[in-house]
Amino acid sequence: MFHCTQKRLVTIMVVCSFLVFSCGAALAAAGKGYSSADLKKMSTFLSNFTELGFMSFDAKELTNEKDPADMIRFGIWHNYVNNFKSRISQCKKKDCEWGSLVIEGKYVAETIKKYFDVDYKKLASVTESDPPYFYDGKLYHFEGADGEAVYYARVSEAEKNTKGQIVMRGEIYNAEDENDLLGSFEALAKPHKFGGKDTWAILSMETEYYDNEGQVSDETVEGLWIEVPNFPAEAEVVDFQMNDEGVASFTRILDAGVVALVVERLPVTNTEGEQVTPQTLGKLVAEFEGIEEEKIEI
């Protein structure tokens, strides 16, 4: 990895021999077999979790009956968000000490079955959680809440692994602003049939959060990557491109016809505090890549 005094650069490289495009083809093949409509359905499926704040979890742990707080929370709040009119009612007790709203326990169990393929029958109260959920033998009592930011999942690629499970990858974004990205994720689900329809049951989800500036961390870029710590000083840089967020991609031509495709995040200013512009870009790359500026072709 390359480093600078201002900001650590995220530099991920893959070394190819002669044909750079073969690397891109290998990555693009990850979504083979799934249409844009399939990816959209997967996005909706995963958004049922992210909209409730379930960004990183293992389904086996989450559905543990010995510690069912999160499982019950999902079962209740999924219906609060998506089935309020049909399944959520006002508490009819005099004091309603556990909250002003109720939902039948059967709907909570149904939701858990639908999204986790888990038969949860020993419905229990979780009164020590915040907020608490009290089960009276038929109804769950709880208090509603709104106002927090809602995040959705956008699946950009998917593939089936050797176990027949579906690996889904993409980004999590603010429902109010699709450009407000929370992080990237990888989710694992299995084919599942519910209500006579084909769907999925979640197995796990892991989110790599972007930092406070919306930039990616070292672990975010996934795929068949190789880290190359050093390049010879005479290596040429060609086909340089950089977007508004500072993510750059370019090709470095090394010795013996070897080509390196590089993707990294560059700072918006150099060590002298100069703003990066098309005119100063060559100087910036030379500074942080350690090569002569005249060998950079932009």
C-alpha atoms as a PDB file:
ATOM      1  CA  MET A   1       0.000   0.000   0.000  1.00  0.00           C
ATOM      2  CA  PHE A   2       1.122   3.584  -0.610  1.00  0.00           C
ATOM      3  CA  HIS A   3       0.981   6.151   2.193  1.00  0.00           C
ATOM      4  CA  CYS A   4       1.061   9.937   2.379  1.00  0.00           C
ATOM      5  CA  THR A   5       1.418  12.435   5.228  1.00  0.00           C
ATOM      6  CA  GLN A   6      -2.109  13.785   4.892  1.00  0.00           C
ATOM      7  CA  LYS A   7      -4.242  10.754   4.331  1.00  0.00           C
ATOM      8  CA  ARG A   8      -3.743   7.045   3.862  1.00  0.00           C
ATOM      9  CA  LEU A   9      -4.493   6.122   0.298  1.00  0.00           C
ATOM     10  CA  VAL A  10      -6.736   3.196  -0.414  1.00  0.00           C
ATOM     11  CA  THR A  11      -4.730   1.407  -3.075  1.00  0.00           C
ATOM     12  CA  ILE A  12      -5.915  -1.908  -4.406  1.00  0.00           C
ATOM     13  CA  MET A  13      -4.105  -3.342  -7.359  1.00  0.00           C
ATOM     14  CA  VAL A  14      -4.315  -6.347  -9.593  1.00  0.00           C
ATOM     15  CA  VAL A  15      -1.400  -7.371 -11.757  1.00  0.00           C
ATOM     16  CA  CYS A  16      -2.256  -8.838 -15.127  1.00  0.00           C
ATOM     17  CA  SER A  17      -0.015  -9.960 -17.947  1.00  0.00           C
ATOM     18  CA  PHE A  18      -0.717  -8.012 -21.157  1.00  0.00           C
ATOM     19  CA  LEU A  19      -4.543  -8.099 -21.051  1.00  0.00           C
ATOM     20  CA  VAL A  20      -5.987  -5.797 -18.413  1.00  0.00           C
ATOM     21  CA  PHE A  21      -9.548  -6.351 -19.590  1.00  0.00           C
ATOM     22  CA  SER A  22      -9.429 -10.015 -18.507  1.00  0.00           C
ATOM     23  CA  CYS A  23      -9.503  -8.899 -14.868  1.00  0.00           C
ATOM     24  CA  GLY A  24     -12.623  -6.817 -15.411  1.00  0.00           C
ATOM     25  CA  ALA A  25     -14.270  -9.709 -17.201  1.00  0.00           C
ATOM     26  CA  ALA A  26     -13.666 -12.009 -14.242  1.00  0.00           C
ATOM     27  CA  LEU A  27     -15.317  -9.572 -11.881  1.00  0.00           C
ATOM     28  CA  ALA A  28     -18.245  -8.858 -14.185  1.00  0.00           C
ATOM     29  CA  ALA A  29     -18.999 -12.568 -14.398  1.00  0.00           C
ATOM     30  CA  ALA A  30     -19.974 -12.522 -10.702  1.00  0.00           C
ATOM     31  CA  GLY A  31     -23.506 -11.430 -11.590  1.00  0.00           C
ATOM     32  CA  LYS A  32     -23.971 -13.930 -14.404  1.00  0.00           C
ATOM     33  CA  GLY A  33     -27.355 -15.624 -14.413  1.00  0.00           C
ATOM     34  CA  TYR A  34     -29.286 -12.852 -12.638  1.00  0.00           C
ATOM     35  CA  SER A  35     -31.223 -10.189 -14.496  1.00  0.00           C
ATOM     36  CA  SER A  36     -31.694  -6.582 -13.416  1.00  0.00           C
ATOM     37  CA  ALA A  37     -35.182  -7.598 -12.274  1.00  0.00           C
ATOM     38  CA  ASP A  38     -33.649 -10.311 -10.074  1.00  0.00           C
ATOM     39  CA  LEU A  39     -31.223  -7.826  -8.542  1.00  0.00           C
ATOM     40  CA  LYS A  40     -34.097  -5.431  -7.860  1.00  0.00           C
ATOM     41  CA  LYS A  41     -36.023  -8.165  -6.029  1.00  0.00           C
ATOM     42  CA  MET A  42     -32.922  -8.982  -4.008  1.00  0.00           C
ATOM     43  CA  SER A  43     -32.558  -5.297  -3.156  1.00  0.00           C
ATOM     44  CA  THR A  44     -36.128  -5.201  -1.862  1.00  0.00           C
ATOM     45  CA  PHE A  45     -35.548  -8.387   0.125  1.00  0.00           C
ATOM     46  CA  LEU A  46     -32.441  -7.037   1.871  1.00  0.00           C
ATOM     47  CA  SER A  47     -34.007  -3.614   2.413  1.00  0.00           C
ATOM     48  CA  ASN A  48     -36.444  -5.313   4.786  1.00  0.00           C
ATOM     49  CA  PHE A  49     -33.453  -5.730   7.091  1.00  0.00           C
ATOM     50  CA  THR A  50     -31.506  -2.521   6.500  1.00  0.00           C
ATOM     51  CA  GLU A  51     -34.558  -0.281   6.966  1.00  0.00           C
ATOM     52  CA  LEU A  52     -34.737  -1.595  10.544  1.00  0.00           C
ATOM     53  CA  GLY A  53     -31.033  -1.157  11.222  1.00  0.00           C
ATOM     54  CA  PHE A  54     -30.049  -4.796  10.672  1.00  0.00           C
ATOM     55  CA  MET A  55     -26.843  -4.210   8.714  1.00  0.00           C
ATOM     56  CA  SER A  56     -24.450  -6.866  10.048  1.00  0.00           C
ATOM     57  CA  PHE A  57     -25.660 -10.097  11.608  1.00  0.00           C
ATOM     58  CA  ASP A  58     -25.618 -13.879  11.549  1.00  0.00           C
ATOM     59  CA  ALA A  59     -29.130 -15.296  11.224  1.00  0.00           C
ATOM     60  CA  LYS A  60     -28.320 -18.324  13.374  1.00  0.00           C
ATOM     61  CA  GLU A  61     -27.330 -16.076  16.273  1.00  0.00           C
ATOM     62  CA  LEU A  62     -30.153 -13.618  15.710  1.00  0.00           C
ATOM     63  CA  THR A  63     -32.811 -16.365  15.812  1.00  0.00           C
ATOM     64  CA  ASN A  64     -31.454 -18.021  18.960  1.00  0.00           C
ATOM     65  CA  GLU A  65     -34.512 -18.687  21.168  1.00  0.00           C
ATOM     66  CA  LYS A  66     -32.367 -18.285  24.298  1.00  0.00           C
ATOM     67  CA  ASP A  67     -31.752 -14.667  23.338  1.00  0.00           C
ATOM     68  CA  PRO A  68     -34.688 -13.701  21.082  1.00  0.00           C
ATOM     69  CA  ALA A  69     -34.661  -9.914  21.536  1.00  0.00           C
ATOM     70  CA  ASP A  70     -33.458  -9.009  18.031  1.00  0.00           C
ATOM     71  CA  MET A  71     -35.580 -11.700  16.393  1.00  0.00           C
ATOM     72  CA  ILE A  72     -38.708 -10.383  18.113  1.00  0.00           C
ATOM     73  CA  ARG A  73     -37.716  -6.806  17.354  1.00  0.00           C
ATOM     74  CA  PHE A  74     -37.450  -7.650  13.658  1.00  0.00           C
ATOM     75  CA  GLY A  75     -40.790  -9.484  13.656  1.00  0.00           C
ATOM     76  CA  ILE A  76     -42.583  -6.563  15.283  1.00  0.00           C
ATOM     77  CA  TRP A  77     -40.945  -3.640  13.502  1.00  0.00           C
ATOM     78  CA  HIS A  78     -41.130  -5.169  10.048  1.00  0.00           C
ATOM     79  CA  ASN A  79     -44.894  -5.177  10.440  1.00  0.00           C
ATOM     80  CA  TYR A  80     -44.912  -1.719  12.004  1.00  0.00           C
ATOM     81  CA  VAL A  81     -43.144  -0.321   8.930  1.00  0.00           C
ATOM     82  CA  ASN A  82     -44.781  -2.417   6.200  1.00  0.00           C
ATOM     83  CA  ASN A  83     -48.141  -3.646   7.543  1.00  0.00           C
ATOM     84  CA  PHE A  84     -49.222  -0.964   9.983  1.00  0.00           C
ATOM     85  CA  LYS A  85     -52.841  -0.638   8.870  1.00  0.00           C
ATOM     86  CA  SER A  86     -53.537  -4.363   8.630  1.00  0.00           C
ATOM     87  CA  ARG A  87     -51.635  -5.731  11.619  1.00  0.00           C
ATOM     88  CA  ILE A  88     -50.956  -2.994  14.167  1.00  0.00           C
ATOM     89  CA  SER A  89     -53.703  -1.949  16.588  1.00  0.00           C
ATOM     90  CA  GLN A  90     -54.135   0.356  19.547  1.00  0.00           C
ATOM     91  CA  CYS A  91     -53.802  -1.141  23.004  1.00  0.00           C
ATOM     92  CA  LYS A  92     -57.251  -1.431  24.590  1.00  0.00           C
ATOM     93  CA  LYS A  93     -56.120  -1.882  28.177  1.00  0.00           C
ATOM     94  CA  LYS A  94     -56.630   0.862  30.710  1.00  0.00           C
ATOM     95  CA  ASP A  95     -53.025   1.759  31.439  1.00  0.00           C
ATOM     96  CA  CYS A  96     -51.059   0.083  28.590  1.00  0.00           C
ATOM     97  CA  GLU A  97     -47.868   0.034  30.641  1.00  0.00           C
ATOM     98  CA  TRP A  98     -45.902  -1.699  27.875  1.00  0.00           C
ATOM     99  CA  GLY A  99     -46.861   0.703  25.094  1.00  0.00           C
ATOM    100  CA  SER A 100     -49.834   2.028  23.161  1.00  0.00           C
ATOM    101  CA  LEU A 101     -49.624  -0.474  20.282  1.00  0.00           C
ATOM    102  CA  VAL A 102     -50.186  -4.223  19.893  1.00  0.00           C
ATOM    103  CA  ILE A 103     -49.652  -6.899  17.250  1.00  0.00           C
ATOM    104  CA  GLU A 104     -50.764 -10.506  17.301  1.00  0.00           C
ATOM    105  CA  GLY A 105     -47.965 -12.922  18.087  1.00  0.00           C
ATOM    106  CA  LYS A 106     -48.848 -15.062  15.076  1.00  0.00           C
ATOM    107  CA  TYR A 107     -47.843 -12.234  12.750  1.00  0.00           C
ATOM    108  CA  VAL A 108     -44.470 -11.923  14.460  1.00  0.00           C
ATOM    109  CA  ALA A 109     -43.890 -15.673  14.077  1.00  0.00           C
ATOM    110  CA  GLU A 110     -45.017 -15.533  10.438  1.00  0.00           C
ATOM    111  CA  THR A 111     -42.566 -12.756   9.636  1.00  0.00           C
ATOM    112  CA  ILE A 112     -39.705 -14.668  11.242  1.00  0.00           C
ATOM    113  CA  LYS A 113     -40.591 -17.725   9.184  1.00  0.00           C
ATOM    114  CA  LYS A 114     -40.828 -15.679   5.986  1.00  0.00           C
ATOM    115  CA  TYR A 115     -37.448 -13.968   6.253  1.00  0.00           C
ATOM    116  CA  PHE A 116     -35.388 -16.473   8.264  1.00  0.00           C
ATOM    117  CA  ASP A 117     -37.132 -19.812   7.572  1.00  0.00           C
ATOM    118  CA  VAL A 118     -37.273 -20.358  11.338  1.00  0.00           C
ATOM    119  CA  ASP A 119     -40.313 -21.739  13.161  1.00  0.00           C
ATOM    120  CA  TYR A 120     -40.539 -19.595  16.285  1.00  0.00           C
ATOM    121  CA  LYS A 121     -43.320 -20.990  18.461  1.00  0.00           C
ATOM    122  CA  LYS A 122     -42.261 -20.256  22.040  1.00  0.00           C
ATOM    123  CA  LEU A 123     -43.153 -16.577  21.862  1.00  0.00           C
ATOM    124  CA  ALA A 124     -41.687 -14.709  24.805  1.00  0.00           C
ATOM    125  CA  SER A 125     -41.583 -11.263  26.352  1.00  0.00           C
ATOM    126  CA  VAL A 126     -38.413  -9.204  26.097  1.00  0.00           C
ATOM    127  CA  THR A 127     -39.017  -6.593  28.762  1.00  0.00           C
ATOM    128  CA  GLU A 128     -35.370  -5.741  29.446  1.00  0.00           C
ATOM    129  CA  SER A 129     -34.717  -4.531  25.913  1.00  0.00           C
ATOM    130  CA  ASP A 130     -35.010  -0.901  24.857  1.00  0.00           C
ATOM    131  CA  PRO A 131     -37.795  -0.554  23.910  1.00  0.00           C
ATOM    132  CA  PRO A 132     -39.432  -3.500  25.724  1.00  0.00           C
ATOM    133  CA  TYR A 133     -41.800  -5.990  24.070  1.00  0.00           C
ATOM    134  CA  PHE A 134     -44.350  -7.665  26.331  1.00  0.00           C
ATOM    135  CA  TYR A 135     -46.208 -10.791  25.223  1.00  0.00           C
ATOM    136  CA  ASP A 136     -49.505 -11.487  27.021  1.00  0.00           C
ATOM    137  CA  GLY A 137     -50.072 -14.888  25.442  1.00  0.00           C
ATOM    138  CA  LYS A 138     -51.711 -13.507  22.308  1.00  0.00           C
ATOM    139  CA  LEU A 139     -50.519  -9.969  21.682  1.00  0.00           C
ATOM    140  CA  TYR A 140     -47.176  -8.212  21.765  1.00  0.00           C
ATOM    141  CA  HIS A 141     -47.397  -4.795  23.448  1.00  0.00           C
ATOM    142  CA  PHE A 142     -44.922  -2.102  22.412  1.00  0.00           C
ATOM    143  CA  GLU A 143     -44.518   1.599  21.717  1.00  0.00           C
ATOM    144  CA  GLY A 144     -44.107   2.977  18.211  1.00  0.00           C
ATOM    145  CA  ALA A 145     -41.385   5.343  17.073  1.00  0.00           C
ATOM    146  CA  ASP A 146     -40.556   7.243  13.890  1.00  0.00           C
ATOM    147  CA  GLY A 147     -38.129   9.875  12.688  1.00  0.00           C
ATOM    148  CA  GLU A 148     -34.849   7.989  12.299  1.00  0.00           C
ATOM    149  CA  ALA A 149     -33.070   7.839   8.952  1.00  0.00           C
ATOM    150  CA  VAL A 150     -34.058   4.828   6.840  1.00  0.00           C
ATOM    151  CA  TYR A 151     -31.499   2.972   4.741  1.00  0.00           C
ATOM    152  CA  TYR A 152     -32.129   0.635   1.827  1.00  0.00           C
ATOM    153  CA  ALA A 153     -29.947  -1.960   0.112  1.00  0.00           C
ATOM    154  CA  ARG A 154     -29.023  -1.846  -3.564  1.00  0.00           C
ATOM    155  CA  VAL A 155     -27.747  -5.184  -4.897  1.00  0.00           C
ATOM    156  CA  SER A 156     -25.330  -4.672  -7.782  1.00  0.00           C
ATOM    157  CA  GLU A 157     -24.186  -8.259  -8.274  1.00  0.00           C
ATOM    158  CA  ALA A 158     -25.113 -11.763  -7.168  1.00  0.00           C
ATOM    159  CA  GLU A 159     -23.838 -15.276  -7.652  1.00  0.00           C
ATOM    160  CA  LYS A 160     -24.689 -18.783  -6.508  1.00  0.00           C
ATOM    161  CA  ASN A 161     -22.038 -20.550  -4.426  1.00  0.00           C
ATOM    162  CA  THR A 162     -21.225 -24.260  -4.407  1.00  0.00           C
ATOM    163  CA  LYS A 163     -23.854 -24.882  -1.701  1.00  0.00           C
ATOM    164  CA  GLY A 164     -26.620 -23.392  -3.816  1.00  0.00           C
ATOM    165  CA  GLN A 165     -26.775 -20.289  -1.625  1.00  0.00           C
ATOM    166  CA  ILE A 166     -26.971 -16.790  -3.098  1.00  0.00           C
ATOM    167  CA  VAL A 167     -24.206 -14.282  -2.428  1.00  0.00           C
ATOM    168  CA  MET A 168     -25.476 -10.719  -2.860  1.00  0.00           C
ATOM    169  CA  ARG A 169     -23.235  -7.641  -2.930  1.00  0.00           C
ATOM    170  CA  GLY A 170     -23.959  -3.945  -3.167  1.00  0.00           C
ATOM    171  CA  GLU A 171     -24.293  -0.699  -1.222  1.00  0.00           C
ATOM    172  CA  ILE A 172     -26.568   0.691   1.466  1.00  0.00           C
ATOM    173  CA  TYR A 173     -28.021   4.140   0.829  1.00  0.00           C
ATOM    174  CA  ASN A 174     -30.244   6.708   2.525  1.00  0.00           C
ATOM    175  CA  ALA A 175     -33.872   6.297   1.423  1.00  0.00           C
ATOM    176  CA  GLU A 176     -34.171  10.099   1.218  1.00  0.00           C
ATOM    177  CA  ASP A 177     -30.975  10.594  -0.779  1.00  0.00           C
ATOM    178  CA  GLU A 178     -29.569   7.770  -2.918  1.00  0.00           C
ATOM    179  CA  ASN A 179     -26.217   9.560  -3.087  1.00  0.00           C
ATOM    180  CA  ASP A 180     -25.863   9.323   0.700  1.00  0.00           C
ATOM    181  CA  LEU A 181     -24.085   5.971   0.966  1.00  0.00           C
ATOM    182  CA  LEU A 182     -23.677   4.244   4.321  1.00  0.00           C
ATOM    183  CA  GLY A 183     -21.423   1.414   3.209  1.00  0.00           C
ATOM    184  CA  SER A 184     -21.008  -1.699   1.097  1.00  0.00           C
ATOM    185  CA  PHE A 185     -22.302  -5.132   2.033  1.00  0.00           C
ATOM    186  CA  GLU A 186     -22.175  -8.821   1.286  1.00  0.00           C
ATOM    187  CA  ALA A 187     -25.218 -10.906   2.183  1.00  0.00           C
ATOM    188  CA  LEU A 188     -25.798 -14.642   2.054  1.00  0.00           C
ATOM    189  CA  ALA A 189     -29.266 -16.124   1.541  1.00  0.00           C
ATOM    190  CA  LYS A 190     -30.774 -19.462   0.609  1.00  0.00           C
ATOM    191  CA  PRO A 191     -33.661 -20.200  -1.769  1.00  0.00           C
ATOM    192  CA  HIS A 192     -36.888 -20.369   0.227  1.00  0.00           C
ATOM    193  CA  LYS A 193     -40.547 -20.907  -0.574  1.00  0.00           C
ATOM    194  CA  PHE A 194     -43.115 -18.989   1.478  1.00  0.00           C
ATOM    195  CA  GLY A 195     -46.828 -18.713   0.810  1.00  0.00           C
ATOM    196  CA  GLY A 196     -46.375 -20.752  -2.351  1.00  0.00           C
ATOM    197  CA  LYS A 197     -43.901 -18.216  -3.775  1.00  0.00           C
ATOM    198  CA  ASP A 198     -40.174 -18.485  -4.376  1.00  0.00           C
ATOM    199  CA  THR A 199     -38.142 -16.111  -2.248  1.00  0.00           C
ATOM    200  CA  TRP A 200     -35.032 -16.199  -0.036  1.00  0.00           C
ATOM    201  CA  ALA A 201     -34.253 -16.701   3.633  1.00  0.00           C
ATOM    202  CA  ILE A 202     -31.381 -14.648   5.029  1.00  0.00           C
ATOM    203  CA  LEU A 203     -28.326 -16.437   6.428  1.00  0.00           C
ATOM    204  CA  SER A 204     -25.985 -13.553   7.112  1.00  0.00           C
ATOM    205  CA  MET A 205     -25.150  -9.987   6.214  1.00  0.00           C
ATOM    206  CA  GLU A 206     -21.976  -8.023   6.721  1.00  0.00           C
ATOM    207  CA  THR A 207     -21.616  -4.303   6.078  1.00  0.00           C
ATOM    208  CA  GLU A 208     -18.362  -2.412   5.662  1.00  0.00           C
ATOM    209  CA  TYR A 209     -19.170   1.173   6.654  1.00  0.00           C
ATOM    210  CA  TYR A 210     -17.698   4.104   4.808  1.00  0.00           C
ATOM    211  CA  ASP A 211     -15.842   6.614   6.954  1.00  0.00           C
ATOM    212  CA  ASN A 212     -17.203  10.013   7.993  1.00  0.00           C
ATOM    213  CA  GLU A 213     -16.275  11.529   4.651  1.00  0.00           C
ATOM    214  CA  GLY A 214     -18.088   8.835   2.699  1.00  0.00           C
ATOM    215  CA  GLN A 215     -14.810   7.253   1.622  1.00  0.00           C
ATOM    216  CA  VAL A 216     -14.137   3.558   1.398  1.00  0.00           C
ATOM    217  CA  SER A 217     -11.830   1.609   3.702  1.00  0.00           C
ATOM    218  CA  ASP A 218      -9.136  -0.847   2.637  1.00  0.00           C
ATOM    219  CA  GLU A 219     -11.442  -3.843   3.029  1.00  0.00           C
ATOM    220  CA  THR A 220     -14.274  -2.482   0.891  1.00  0.00           C
ATOM    221  CA  VAL A 221     -13.030  -3.449  -2.566  1.00  0.00           C
ATOM    222  CA  GLU A 222     -13.563  -7.170  -2.996  1.00  0.00           C
ATOM    223  CA  GLY A 223     -12.687  -9.603  -5.709  1.00  0.00           C
ATOM    224  CA  LEU A 224      -9.643 -11.321  -7.142  1.00  0.00           C
ATOM    225  CA  TRP A 225      -7.161  -8.674  -6.053  1.00  0.00           C
ATOM    226  CA  ILE A 226      -3.413  -8.794  -5.408  1.00  0.00           C
ATOM    227  CA  GLU A 227      -1.606  -6.122  -3.377  1.00  0.00           C
ATOM    228  CA  VAL A 228       1.567  -4.803  -4.994  1.00  0.00           C
ATOM    229  CA  PRO A 229       3.582  -2.700  -2.511  1.00  0.00           C
ATOM    230  CA  ASN A 230       6.156  -1.145  -4.848  1.00  0.00           C
ATOM    231  CA  PHE A 231       6.594  -0.160  -8.462  1.00  0.00           C
ATOM    232  CA  PRO A 232       9.801   0.783 -10.270  1.00  0.00           C
ATOM    233  CA  ALA A 233      10.251   4.549 -10.543  1.00  0.00           C
ATOM    234  CA  GLU A 234      10.224   4.438 -14.349  1.00  0.00           C
ATOM    235  CA  ALA A 235       6.749   2.883 -14.534  1.00  0.00           C
ATOM    236  CA  GLU A 236       4.371   4.846 -16.767  1.00  0.00           C
ATOM    237  CA  VAL A 237       0.857   5.917 -15.772  1.00  0.00           C
ATOM    238  CA  VAL A 238      -1.748   6.044 -18.569  1.00  0.00           C
ATOM    239  CA  ASP A 239      -5.522   6.288 -18.919  1.00  0.00           C
ATOM    240  CA  PHE A 240      -5.892   8.159 -15.646  1.00  0.00           C
ATOM    241  CA  GLN A 241      -9.474   8.910 -14.522  1.00  0.00           C
ATOM    242  CA  MET A 242     -10.811  10.302 -11.247  1.00  0.00           C
ATOM    243  CA  ASN A 243     -14.384  11.039 -10.164  1.00  0.00           C
ATOM    244  CA  ASP A 244     -15.653  13.841  -7.908  1.00  0.00           C
ATOM    245  CA  GLU A 245     -15.174  11.682  -4.805  1.00  0.00           C
ATOM    246  CA  GLY A 246     -11.473  11.237  -5.488  1.00  0.00           C
ATOM    247  CA  VAL A 247     -11.618   7.604  -6.605  1.00  0.00           C
ATOM    248  CA  ALA A 248      -8.997   7.162  -9.305  1.00  0.00           C
ATOM    249  CA  SER A 249      -8.317   4.366 -11.752  1.00  0.00           C
ATOM    250  CA  PHE A 250      -5.366   4.110 -14.067  1.00  0.00           C
ATOM    251  CA  THR A 251      -2.915   1.725 -15.703  1.00  0.00           C
ATOM    252  CA  ARG A 252       0.769   1.410 -14.822  1.00  0.00           C
ATOM    253  CA  ILE A 253       3.035  -0.099 -17.453  1.00  0.00           C
ATOM    254  CA  LEU A 254       5.867  -2.015 -15.804  1.00  0.00           C
ATOM    255  CA  ASP A 255       8.833  -3.972 -17.121  1.00  0.00           C
ATOM    256  CA  ALA A 256       8.610  -6.936 -19.494  1.00  0.00           C
ATOM    257  CA  GLY A 257       5.189  -5.970 -20.837  1.00  0.00           C
ATOM    258  CA  VAL A 258       3.438  -6.389 -17.490  1.00  0.00           C
ATOM    259  CA  VAL A 259       0.480  -4.101 -16.845  1.00  0.00           C
ATOM    260  CA  ALA A 260      -1.018  -3.087 -13.502  1.00  0.00           C
ATOM    261  CA  LEU A 261      -4.613  -1.881 -13.165  1.00  0.00           C
ATOM    262  CA  VAL A 262      -4.858   0.366 -10.114  1.00  0.00           C
ATOM    263  CA  VAL A 263      -7.922   1.620  -8.243  1.00  0.00           C
ATOM    264  CA  GLU A 264      -7.331   3.990  -5.350  1.00  0.00           C
ATOM    265  CA  ARG A 265      -8.653   7.025  -3.535  1.00  0.00           C
ATOM    266  CA  LEU A 266      -6.565  10.161  -3.805  1.00  0.00           C
ATOM    267  CA  PRO A 267      -6.748  13.157  -1.439  1.00  0.00           C
ATOM    268  CA  VAL A 268      -8.436  16.319  -2.675  1.00  0.00           C
ATOM    269  CA  THR A 269      -5.271  18.322  -1.963  1.00  0.00           C
ATOM    270  CA  ASN A 270      -1.560  17.532  -2.130  1.00  0.00           C
ATOM    271  CA  THR A 271       0.910  17.940   0.743  1.00  0.00           C
ATOM    272  CA  GLU A 272       1.345  21.615  -0.111  1.00  0.00           C
ATOM    273  CA  GLY A 273      -2.391  22.182   0.314  1.00  0.00           C
ATOM    274  CA  GLU A 274      -2.975  22.777  -3.380  1.00  0.00           C
ATOM    275  CA  GLN A 275      -6.438  21.865  -4.620  1.00  0.00           C
ATOM    276  CA  VAL A 276      -6.520  19.013  -7.098  1.00  0.00           C
ATOM    277  CA  THR A 277      -7.500  20.229 -10.570  1.00  0.00           C
ATOM    278  CA  PRO A 278      -6.959  18.798 -14.055  1.00  0.00           C
ATOM    279  CA  GLN A 279      -3.886  21.044 -14.243  1.00  0.00           C
ATOM    280  CA  THR A 280      -2.327  19.820 -10.979  1.00  0.00           C
ATOM    281  CA  LEU A 281      -3.391  16.193 -11.280  1.00  0.00           C
ATOM    282  CA  GLY A 282      -0.130  15.050 -12.822  1.00  0.00           C
ATOM    283  CA  LYS A 283       1.860  16.625 -10.012  1.00  0.00           C
ATOM    284  CA  LEU A 284      -0.355  14.958  -7.424  1.00  0.00           C
ATOM    285  CA  VAL A 285       0.008  11.507  -8.943  1.00  0.00           C
ATOM    286  CA  ALA A 286       3.770  11.956  -9.263  1.00  0.00           C
ATOM    287  CA  GLU A 287       3.968  13.029  -5.624  1.00  0.00           C
ATOM    288  CA  PHE A 288       2.044  10.108  -4.173  1.00  0.00           C
ATOM    289  CA  GLU A 289       3.149   7.447  -6.652  1.00  0.00           C
ATOM    290  CA  GLY A 290       6.823   8.346  -6.485  1.00  0.00           C
ATOM    291  CA  ILE A 291       7.469   8.654 -10.220  1.00  0.00           C
ATOM    292  CA  GLU A 292       8.575  11.436 -12.504  1.00  0.00           C
ATOM    293  CA  GLU A 293       5.772  13.807 -13.504  1.00  0.00           C
ATOM    294  CA  GLU A 294       6.753  13.805 -17.181  1.00  0.00           C
ATOM    295  CA  LYS A 295       6.147  10.054 -17.322  1.00  0.00           C
ATOM    296  CA  ILE A 296       2.471  10.535 -16.480  1.00  0.00           C
ATOM    297  CA  GLU A 297       0.070  10.648 -19.402  1.00  0.00           C
ATOM    298  CA  ILE A 298      -3.397  11.992 -18.484  1.00  0.00           C
END
